[in-house]
PDB file of all heavy atoms in Angstrom:
ATOM      1  N   ASP A   1      19.740 -16.733 -45.027  1.00  0.00           N
ATOM      2  CA  ASP A   1      21.052 -16.180 -45.343  1.00  0.00           C
ATOM      3  C   ASP A   1      22.151 -17.212 -45.128  1.00  0.00           C
ATOM      4  O   ASP A   1      23.002 -17.420 -45.995  1.00  0.00           O
ATOM      5  CB  ASP A   1      21.316 -14.934 -44.495  1.00  0.00           C
ATOM      6  CG  ASP A   1      20.315 -13.830 -44.762  1.00  0.00           C
ATOM      7  OD1 ASP A   1      20.037 -13.569 -45.941  1.00  0.00           O
ATOM      8  OD2 ASP A   1      19.800 -13.240 -43.793  1.00  0.00           O
ATOM      9  N   TRP A   2      22.155 -17.873 -43.956  1.00  0.00           N
ATOM     10  CA  TRP A   2      23.247 -18.818 -43.732  1.00  0.00           C
ATOM     11  C   TRP A   2      23.069 -20.081 -44.556  1.00  0.00           C
ATOM     12  O   TRP A   2      24.066 -20.719 -44.945  1.00  0.00           O
ATOM     13  CB  TRP A   2      23.458 -19.110 -42.251  1.00  0.00           C
ATOM     14  CG  TRP A   2      22.412 -19.872 -41.500  1.00  0.00           C
ATOM     15  CD1 TRP A   2      21.474 -19.375 -40.659  1.00  0.00           C
ATOM     16  CD2 TRP A   2      22.233 -21.300 -41.477  1.00  0.00           C
ATOM     17  NE1 TRP A   2      20.705 -20.387 -40.123  1.00  0.00           N
ATOM     18  CE2 TRP A   2      21.163 -21.581 -40.601  1.00  0.00           C
ATOM     19  CE3 TRP A   2      22.879 -22.363 -42.116  1.00  0.00           C
ATOM     20  CZ2 TRP A   2      20.705 -22.878 -40.362  1.00  0.00           C
ATOM     21  CZ3 TRP A   2      22.434 -23.655 -41.876  1.00  0.00           C
ATOM     22  CH2 TRP A   2      21.353 -23.902 -41.011  1.00  0.00           C
ATOM     23  N   ARG A   3      21.843 -20.446 -44.868  1.00  0.00           N
ATOM     24  CA  ARG A   3      21.654 -21.605 -45.750  1.00  0.00           C
ATOM     25  C   ARG A   3      22.149 -21.294 -47.158  1.00  0.00           C
ATOM     26  O   ARG A   3      22.750 -22.140 -47.823  1.00  0.00           O
ATOM     27  CB  ARG A   3      20.185 -22.028 -45.765  1.00  0.00           C
ATOM     28  CG  ARG A   3      19.709 -22.632 -44.463  1.00  0.00           C
ATOM     29  CD  ARG A   3      18.302 -23.178 -44.552  1.00  0.00           C
ATOM     30  NE  ARG A   3      17.829 -23.659 -43.268  1.00  0.00           N
ATOM     31  CZ  ARG A   3      18.102 -24.850 -42.761  1.00  0.00           C
ATOM     32  NH1 ARG A   3      18.857 -25.690 -43.463  1.00  0.00           N
ATOM     33  NH2 ARG A   3      17.626 -25.213 -41.587  1.00  0.00           N
ATOM     34  N   SER A   4      21.919 -20.073 -47.627  1.00  0.00           N
ATOM     35  CA  SER A   4      22.441 -19.670 -48.937  1.00  0.00           C
ATOM     36  C   SER A   4      23.958 -19.572 -48.906  1.00  0.00           C
ATOM     37  O   SER A   4      24.638 -19.924 -49.876  1.00  0.00           O
ATOM     38  CB  SER A   4      21.846 -18.319 -49.341  1.00  0.00           C
ATOM     39  OG  SER A   4      20.447 -18.405 -49.519  1.00  0.00           O
ATOM     40  N   MET A   5      24.505 -19.110 -47.800  1.00  0.00           N
ATOM     41  CA  MET A   5      25.953 -18.973 -47.653  1.00  0.00           C
ATOM     42  C   MET A   5      26.653 -20.325 -47.710  1.00  0.00           C
ATOM     43  O   MET A   5      27.723 -20.474 -48.304  1.00  0.00           O
ATOM     44  CB  MET A   5      26.260 -18.275 -46.333  1.00  0.00           C
ATOM     45  CG  MET A   5      27.716 -18.031 -46.029  1.00  0.00           C
ATOM     46  SD  MET A   5      27.891 -17.383 -44.344  1.00  0.00           S
ATOM     47  CE  MET A   5      27.449 -18.848 -43.372  1.00  0.00           C
ATOM     48  N   ARG A   6      26.035 -21.336 -47.123  1.00  0.00           N
ATOM     49  CA  ARG A   6      26.631 -22.672 -47.061  1.00  0.00           C
ATOM     50  C   ARG A   6      26.056 -23.634 -48.094  1.00  0.00           C
ATOM     51  O   ARG A   6      26.496 -24.779 -48.191  1.00  0.00           O
ATOM     52  CB  ARG A   6      26.442 -23.256 -45.660  1.00  0.00           C
ATOM     53  CG  ARG A   6      27.189 -22.506 -44.553  1.00  0.00           C
ATOM     54  CD  ARG A   6      27.060 -23.235 -43.240  1.00  0.00           C
ATOM     55  NE  ARG A   6      27.687 -22.535 -42.129  1.00  0.00           N
ATOM     56  CZ  ARG A   6      28.969 -22.677 -41.773  1.00  0.00           C
ATOM     57  NH1 ARG A   6      29.762 -23.478 -42.472  1.00  0.00           N
ATOM     58  NH2 ARG A   6      29.444 -22.016 -40.727  1.00  0.00           N
ATOM     59  N   ALA A   7      25.030 -23.193 -48.835  1.00  0.00           N
ATOM     60  CA  ALA A   7      24.339 -24.051 -49.811  1.00  0.00           C
ATOM     61  C   ALA A   7      23.797 -25.296 -49.121  1.00  0.00           C
ATOM     62  O   ALA A   7      24.065 -26.434 -49.538  1.00  0.00           O
ATOM     63  CB  ALA A   7      25.245 -24.410 -50.966  1.00  0.00           C
ATOM     64  N   LYS A   8      23.025 -25.090 -48.056  1.00  0.00           N
ATOM     65  CA  LYS A   8      22.406 -26.191 -47.328  1.00  0.00           C
ATOM     66  C   LYS A   8      20.892 -26.030 -47.347  1.00  0.00           C
ATOM     67  O   LYS A   8      20.392 -24.924 -47.122  1.00  0.00           O
ATOM     68  CB  LYS A   8      22.908 -26.224 -45.885  1.00  0.00           C
ATOM     69  CG  LYS A   8      24.345 -26.672 -45.759  1.00  0.00           C
ATOM     70  CD  LYS A   8      24.732 -26.836 -44.294  1.00  0.00           C
ATOM     71  CE  LYS A   8      26.148 -27.372 -44.152  1.00  0.00           C
ATOM     72  NZ  LYS A   8      26.524 -27.596 -42.751  1.00  0.00           N
ATOM     73  N   PRO A   9      20.159 -27.115 -47.611  1.00  0.00           N
ATOM     74  CA  PRO A   9      20.630 -28.443 -48.000  1.00  0.00           C
ATOM     75  C   PRO A   9      21.268 -28.430 -49.387  1.00  0.00           C
ATOM     76  O   PRO A   9      21.057 -27.504 -50.163  1.00  0.00           O
ATOM     77  CB  PRO A   9      19.370 -29.300 -47.962  1.00  0.00           C
ATOM     78  CG  PRO A   9      18.261 -28.326 -48.204  1.00  0.00           C
ATOM     79  CD  PRO A   9      18.691 -27.040 -47.567  1.00  0.00           C
ATOM     80  N   PHE A  10      22.006 -29.490 -49.709  1.00  0.00           N
ATOM     81  CA  PHE A  10      22.805 -29.504 -50.929  1.00  0.00           C
ATOM     82  C   PHE A  10      21.958 -29.298 -52.185  1.00  0.00           C
ATOM     83  O   PHE A  10      22.396 -28.634 -53.131  1.00  0.00           O
ATOM     84  CB  PHE A  10      23.587 -30.818 -51.038  1.00  0.00           C
ATOM     85  CG  PHE A  10      24.548 -30.856 -52.196  1.00  0.00           C
ATOM     86  CD1 PHE A  10      25.805 -30.286 -52.078  1.00  0.00           C
ATOM     87  CD2 PHE A  10      24.192 -31.438 -53.408  1.00  0.00           C
ATOM     88  CE1 PHE A  10      26.698 -30.302 -53.139  1.00  0.00           C
ATOM     89  CE2 PHE A  10      25.072 -31.461 -54.473  1.00  0.00           C
ATOM     90  CZ  PHE A  10      26.336 -30.891 -54.344  1.00  0.00           C
ATOM     91  N   PHE A  11      20.743 -29.855 -52.189  1.00  0.00           N
ATOM     92  CA  PHE A  11      19.928 -29.740 -53.408  1.00  0.00           C
ATOM     93  C   PHE A  11      19.538 -28.295 -53.710  1.00  0.00           C
ATOM     94  O   PHE A  11      19.089 -27.978 -54.816  1.00  0.00           O
ATOM     95  CB  PHE A  11      18.678 -30.625 -53.335  1.00  0.00           C
ATOM     96  CG  PHE A  11      17.680 -30.224 -52.287  1.00  0.00           C
ATOM     97  CD1 PHE A  11      16.827 -29.154 -52.485  1.00  0.00           C
ATOM     98  CD2 PHE A  11      17.576 -30.938 -51.103  1.00  0.00           C
ATOM     99  CE1 PHE A  11      15.899 -28.789 -51.531  1.00  0.00           C
ATOM    100  CE2 PHE A  11      16.646 -30.580 -50.134  1.00  0.00           C
ATOM    101  CZ  PHE A  11      15.804 -29.509 -50.351  1.00  0.00           C
ATOM    102  N   SER A  12      19.715 -27.387 -52.734  1.00  0.00           N
ATOM    103  CA  SER A  12      19.392 -25.980 -52.981  1.00  0.00           C
ATOM    104  C   SER A  12      20.327 -25.348 -54.010  1.00  0.00           C
ATOM    105  O   SER A  12      20.016 -24.291 -54.561  1.00  0.00           O
ATOM    106  CB  SER A  12      19.448 -25.187 -51.675  1.00  0.00           C
ATOM    107  OG  SER A  12      20.758 -25.159 -51.142  1.00  0.00           O
ATOM    108  N   ARG A  13      21.458 -25.994 -54.287  1.00  0.00           N
ATOM    109  CA  ARG A  13      22.371 -25.467 -55.306  1.00  0.00           C
ATOM    110  C   ARG A  13      21.725 -25.398 -56.686  1.00  0.00           C
ATOM    111  O   ARG A  13      22.193 -24.664 -57.549  1.00  0.00           O
ATOM    112  CB  ARG A  13      23.637 -26.318 -55.379  1.00  0.00           C
ATOM    113  CG  ARG A  13      24.530 -26.204 -54.148  1.00  0.00           C
ATOM    114  CD  ARG A  13      25.797 -27.007 -54.305  1.00  0.00           C
ATOM    115  NE  ARG A  13      26.636 -26.938 -53.119  1.00  0.00           N
ATOM    116  CZ  ARG A  13      27.933 -26.659 -53.141  1.00  0.00           C
ATOM    117  NH1 ARG A  13      28.543 -26.431 -54.293  1.00  0.00           N
ATOM    118  NH2 ARG A  13      28.639 -26.637 -52.020  1.00  0.00           N
ATOM    119  N   ALA A  14      20.658 -26.159 -56.882  1.00  0.00           N
ATOM    120  CA  ALA A  14      19.958 -26.115 -58.164  1.00  0.00           C
ATOM    121  C   ALA A  14      19.428 -24.719 -58.454  1.00  0.00           C
ATOM    122  O   ALA A  14      19.381 -24.279 -59.610  1.00  0.00           O
ATOM    123  CB  ALA A  14      18.809 -27.119 -58.166  1.00  0.00           C
ATOM    124  N   SER A  15      19.061 -23.992 -57.397  1.00  0.00           N
ATOM    125  CA  SER A  15      18.573 -22.625 -57.584  1.00  0.00           C
ATOM    126  C   SER A  15      19.595 -21.574 -57.163  1.00  0.00           C
ATOM    127  O   SER A  15      19.614 -20.472 -57.700  1.00  0.00           O
ATOM    128  CB  SER A  15      17.274 -22.411 -56.799  1.00  0.00           C
ATOM    129  OG  SER A  15      17.482 -22.652 -55.414  1.00  0.00           O
ATOM    130  N   LEU A  16      20.469 -21.932 -56.216  1.00  0.00           N
ATOM    131  CA  LEU A  16      21.447 -20.959 -55.701  1.00  0.00           C
ATOM    132  C   LEU A  16      22.684 -20.837 -56.583  1.00  0.00           C
ATOM    133  O   LEU A  16      23.351 -19.799 -56.581  1.00  0.00           O
ATOM    134  CB  LEU A  16      21.896 -21.360 -54.290  1.00  0.00           C
ATOM    135  CG  LEU A  16      20.833 -21.367 -53.204  1.00  0.00           C
ATOM    136  CD1 LEU A  16      21.423 -21.873 -51.900  1.00  0.00           C
ATOM    137  CD2 LEU A  16      20.245 -19.975 -53.015  1.00  0.00           C
ATOM    138  N   GLY A  17      23.002 -21.904 -57.337  1.00  0.00           N
ATOM    139  CA  GLY A  17      24.225 -21.954 -58.126  1.00  0.00           C
ATOM    140  C   GLY A  17      24.966 -23.240 -57.812  1.00  0.00           C
ATOM    141  O   GLY A  17      25.236 -23.513 -56.637  1.00  0.00           O
ATOM    142  N   LEU A  18      25.294 -24.018 -58.803  1.00  0.00           N
ATOM    143  CA  LEU A  18      25.849 -25.346 -58.570  1.00  0.00           C
ATOM    144  C   LEU A  18      27.224 -25.310 -57.913  1.00  0.00           C
ATOM    145  O   LEU A  18      27.476 -25.971 -56.900  1.00  0.00           O
ATOM    146  CB  LEU A  18      25.932 -26.123 -59.888  1.00  0.00           C
ATOM    147  CG  LEU A  18      26.403 -27.574 -59.781  1.00  0.00           C
ATOM    148  CD1 LEU A  18      25.478 -28.373 -58.880  1.00  0.00           C
ATOM    149  CD2 LEU A  18      26.498 -28.208 -61.172  1.00  0.00           C
ATOM    150  N   LEU A  19      28.155 -24.519 -58.471  1.00  0.00           N
ATOM    151  CA  LEU A  19      29.527 -24.500 -57.975  1.00  0.00           C
ATOM    152  C   LEU A  19      29.838 -23.277 -57.124  1.00  0.00           C
ATOM    153  O   LEU A  19      30.667 -23.337 -56.218  1.00  0.00           O
ATOM    154  CB  LEU A  19      30.511 -24.568 -59.149  1.00  0.00           C
ATOM    155  CG  LEU A  19      30.398 -25.812 -60.031  1.00  0.00           C
ATOM    156  CD1 LEU A  19      31.399 -25.732 -61.181  1.00  0.00           C
ATOM    157  CD2 LEU A  19      30.640 -27.082 -59.207  1.00  0.00           C
ATOM    158  N   ARG A  20      29.196 -22.176 -57.416  1.00  0.00           N
ATOM    159  CA  ARG A  20      29.411 -20.950 -56.651  1.00  0.00           C
ATOM    160  C   ARG A  20      28.106 -20.157 -56.610  1.00  0.00           C
ATOM    161  O   ARG A  20      27.222 -20.373 -57.448  1.00  0.00           O
ATOM    162  CB  ARG A  20      30.543 -20.114 -57.259  1.00  0.00           C
ATOM    163  CG  ARG A  20      30.324 -19.694 -58.687  1.00  0.00           C
ATOM    164  CD  ARG A  20      31.513 -18.896 -59.206  1.00  0.00           C
ATOM    165  NE  ARG A  20      32.757 -19.634 -59.084  1.00  0.00           N
ATOM    166  CZ  ARG A  20      33.191 -20.490 -60.013  1.00  0.00           C
ATOM    167  NH1 ARG A  20      32.475 -20.711 -61.115  1.00  0.00           N
ATOM    168  NH2 ARG A  20      34.326 -21.121 -59.848  1.00  0.00           N
ATOM    169  N   PRO A  21      27.964 -19.265 -55.666  1.00  0.00           N
ATOM    170  CA  PRO A  21      26.694 -18.547 -55.512  1.00  0.00           C
ATOM    171  C   PRO A  21      26.317 -17.714 -56.743  1.00  0.00           C
ATOM    172  O   PRO A  21      27.151 -16.993 -57.290  1.00  0.00           O
ATOM    173  CB  PRO A  21      26.951 -17.642 -54.307  1.00  0.00           C
ATOM    174  CG  PRO A  21      28.073 -18.285 -53.573  1.00  0.00           C
ATOM    175  CD  PRO A  21      28.933 -18.917 -54.607  1.00  0.00           C
ATOM    176  N   LYS A  22      25.070 -17.845 -57.141  1.00  0.00           N
ATOM    177  CA  LYS A  22      24.558 -17.046 -58.254  1.00  0.00           C
ATOM    178  C   LYS A  22      24.345 -15.592 -57.822  1.00  0.00           C
ATOM    179  O   LYS A  22      24.608 -14.659 -58.579  1.00  0.00           O
ATOM    180  CB  LYS A  22      23.229 -17.640 -58.732  1.00  0.00           C
ATOM    181  CG  LYS A  22      22.619 -16.947 -59.938  1.00  0.00           C
ATOM    182  CD  LYS A  22      21.187 -17.456 -60.181  1.00  0.00           C
ATOM    183  CE  LYS A  22      21.124 -18.955 -60.287  1.00  0.00           C
ATOM    184  NZ  LYS A  22      19.727 -19.417 -60.562  1.00  0.00           N
ATOM    185  N   HIS A  23      23.873 -15.425 -56.606  1.00  0.00           N
ATOM    186  CA  HIS A  23      23.643 -14.088 -56.060  1.00  0.00           C
ATOM    187  C   HIS A  23      24.753 -13.791 -55.062  1.00  0.00           C
ATOM    188  O   HIS A  23      24.892 -14.478 -54.052  1.00  0.00           O
ATOM    189  CB  HIS A  23      22.270 -14.011 -55.399  1.00  0.00           C
ATOM    190  CG  HIS A  23      21.147 -14.398 -56.304  1.00  0.00           C
ATOM    191  ND1 HIS A  23      20.831 -13.691 -57.436  1.00  0.00           N
ATOM    192  CD2 HIS A  23      20.273 -15.445 -56.245  1.00  0.00           C
ATOM    193  CE1 HIS A  23      19.807 -14.269 -58.043  1.00  0.00           C
ATOM    194  NE2 HIS A  23      19.455 -15.330 -57.349  1.00  0.00           N
ATOM    195  N   ARG A  24      25.534 -12.748 -55.310  1.00  0.00           N
ATOM    196  CA  ARG A  24      26.757 -12.498 -54.554  1.00  0.00           C
ATOM    197  C   ARG A  24      26.557 -11.654 -53.299  1.00  0.00           C
ATOM    198  O   ARG A  24      27.476 -11.500 -52.509  1.00  0.00           O
ATOM    199  CB  ARG A  24      27.798 -11.846 -55.471  1.00  0.00           C
ATOM    200  CG  ARG A  24      28.179 -12.716 -56.674  1.00  0.00           C
ATOM    201  CD  ARG A  24      28.693 -14.074 -56.219  1.00  0.00           C
ATOM    202  NE  ARG A  24      29.017 -14.957 -57.319  1.00  0.00           N
ATOM    203  CZ  ARG A  24      30.202 -15.017 -57.908  1.00  0.00           C
ATOM    204  NH1 ARG A  24      31.179 -14.228 -57.500  1.00  0.00           N
ATOM    205  NH2 ARG A  24      30.417 -15.864 -58.897  1.00  0.00           N
ATOM    206  N   ILE A  25      25.379 -11.066 -53.116  1.00  0.00           N
ATOM    207  CA  ILE A  25      25.094 -10.294 -51.903  1.00  0.00           C
ATOM    208  C   ILE A  25      23.868 -10.891 -51.229  1.00  0.00           C
ATOM    209  O   ILE A  25      22.802 -10.972 -51.836  1.00  0.00           O
ATOM    210  CB  ILE A  25      24.870  -8.803 -52.211  1.00  0.00           C
ATOM    211  CG1 ILE A  25      26.131  -8.201 -52.848  1.00  0.00           C
ATOM    212  CG2 ILE A  25      24.516  -8.041 -50.940  1.00  0.00           C
ATOM    213  CD1 ILE A  25      25.998  -6.736 -53.203  1.00  0.00           C
TER     214      ILE A  25
END
């Protein structure tokens, strides 16, 4: 949860959403 909240590590943005979270909850 907190890794998704902060997009850590940075490369996780490839699946989480590059600029903003893909999944909002």
